[in-house]
């Protein structure tokens, strides 16, 4: 299963880095009320409200105007450490749709 997660991670990282609209942003620039999930752990991922404590754990974030797993929504990719990376979206409904898409396509 771990190899499948790495394959999913590699394919998503390539897609995210290839986007010309992907730009680095300061984690503190993320406004309150966004939702995200740890996409490196698809089997246990769930949408979580991004509050001040979680946002403070973000080491760096990149914004993409057309990111996510459908490639059609604005998103942030925020690294906590080498094993935890959150995809962050504007609202719970968008987060849930992106999470379900990711899980449906996981190896």
Protein backbone atom coordinates (compact mmCIF):
# COMPACT_ATOMS: atom_id res chain seq x y z
CA UNK A 1 0.00 0.00 0.00
CA UNK A 2 2.85 2.40 0.85
CA UNK A 3 4.25 2.07 -2.69
CA UNK A 4 0.82 2.99 -4.08
CA UNK A 5 0.74 6.10 -1.91
CA UNK A 6 4.15 7.10 -3.22
CA UNK A 7 3.00 6.58 -6.82
CA UNK A 8 -0.06 8.74 -6.13
CA UNK A 9 2.12 11.33 -4.42
CA UNK A 10 4.63 11.37 -7.28
CA UNK A 11 1.97 11.79 -9.94
CA UNK A 12 0.25 14.56 -8.02
CA UNK A 13 3.52 16.34 -7.25
CA UNK A 14 4.40 16.29 -10.95
CA UNK A 15 0.99 17.72 -11.82
CA UNK A 16 1.21 20.39 -9.13
CA UNK A 17 4.77 21.46 -9.99
CA UNK A 18 4.00 21.56 -13.72
CA UNK A 19 1.29 24.13 -13.15
CA UNK A 20 2.52 27.55 -14.18
CA UNK A 21 0.11 29.12 -11.70
CA UNK A 22 1.66 27.40 -8.66
CA UNK A 23 3.23 30.00 -6.40
CA UNK A 24 4.73 29.87 -2.93
CA UNK A 25 2.80 31.65 -0.20
CA UNK A 26 3.42 32.16 3.49
CA UNK A 27 1.31 29.77 5.58
CA UNK A 28 0.09 32.67 7.69
CA UNK A 29 -1.44 34.13 4.52
CA UNK A 30 -4.06 31.38 4.56
CA UNK A 31 -7.28 32.88 5.83
CA UNK A 32 -9.31 31.18 8.53
CA UNK A 33 -12.17 28.89 7.60
CA UNK A 34 -10.48 26.79 4.93
CA UNK A 35 -10.58 22.98 4.97
CA UNK A 36 -7.97 20.43 4.05
CA UNK A 37 -6.70 16.86 4.40
CA UNK A 38 -3.38 15.05 4.60
CA UNK A 39 -3.23 13.70 1.08
CA UNK A 40 -0.13 11.57 1.77
CA UNK A 41 -2.31 9.26 3.88
CA UNK A 42 -5.39 8.60 1.73
CA UNK A 43 -6.60 5.69 3.83
CA UNK A 44 -7.03 7.87 6.93
CA UNK A 45 -7.50 11.31 5.35
CA UNK A 46 -10.51 13.40 6.33
CA UNK A 47 -11.43 17.03 5.78
CA UNK A 48 -10.38 19.17 8.72
CA UNK A 49 -10.97 22.85 9.37
CA UNK A 50 -7.66 24.70 9.15
CA UNK A 51 -7.43 26.60 12.42
CA UNK A 52 -4.56 28.62 13.88
CA UNK A 53 -2.85 25.64 15.57
CA UNK A 54 -2.77 23.51 12.42
CA UNK A 55 -1.83 26.45 10.22
CA UNK A 56 1.11 27.20 12.57
CA UNK A 57 2.47 23.71 11.81
CA UNK A 58 2.67 24.43 8.06
CA UNK A 59 6.31 24.89 7.03
CA UNK A 60 5.55 26.15 3.51
CA UNK A 61 2.61 26.35 1.14
CA UNK A 62 2.13 26.63 -2.59
CA UNK A 63 -1.02 28.00 -4.19
CA UNK A 64 -2.44 26.73 -7.45
CA UNK A 65 -5.30 28.48 -9.21
CA UNK A 66 -6.34 25.18 -10.81
CA UNK A 67 -5.23 22.46 -8.42
CA UNK A 68 -6.82 19.69 -6.45
CA UNK A 69 -7.43 16.20 -7.72
CA UNK A 70 -9.87 17.38 -10.36
CA UNK A 71 -7.53 20.14 -11.53
CA UNK A 72 -10.36 22.64 -11.52
CA UNK A 73 -10.30 24.35 -8.13
CA UNK A 74 -7.98 26.75 -6.34
CA UNK A 75 -5.96 24.93 -3.70
CA UNK A 76 -2.94 25.13 -1.46
CA UNK A 77 -0.40 22.38 -0.87
CA UNK A 78 1.03 22.87 2.63
CA UNK A 79 3.88 20.84 4.06
CA UNK A 80 3.96 20.02 7.78
CA UNK A 81 6.94 17.65 7.53
CA UNK A 82 8.25 14.90 5.23
CA UNK A 83 5.31 12.64 6.12
CA UNK A 84 2.39 15.08 6.36
CA UNK A 85 1.19 17.40 3.61
CA UNK A 86 -2.20 19.06 3.50
CA UNK A 87 -4.24 19.99 0.46
CA UNK A 88 -6.28 23.02 1.48
CA UNK A 89 -9.48 24.28 -0.15
CA UNK A 90 -11.84 27.22 0.34
CA UNK A 91 -14.75 25.28 1.87
CA UNK A 92 -15.84 21.93 3.28
CA UNK A 93 -17.86 20.85 0.22
CA UNK A 94 -14.90 21.39 -2.12
CA UNK A 95 -12.57 19.62 0.29
CA UNK A 96 -14.91 16.64 0.53
CA UNK A 97 -15.25 16.34 -3.26
CA UNK A 98 -11.47 16.48 -3.74
CA UNK A 99 -10.92 13.91 -0.97
CA UNK A 100 -13.46 11.53 -2.51
CA UNK A 101 -11.85 11.95 -5.95
CA UNK A 102 -8.40 11.21 -4.52
CA UNK A 103 -9.61 8.13 -2.65
CA UNK A 104 -11.49 6.82 -5.69
CA UNK A 105 -8.29 7.00 -7.74
CA UNK A 106 -5.89 5.66 -5.11
CA UNK A 107 -4.10 2.44 -5.99
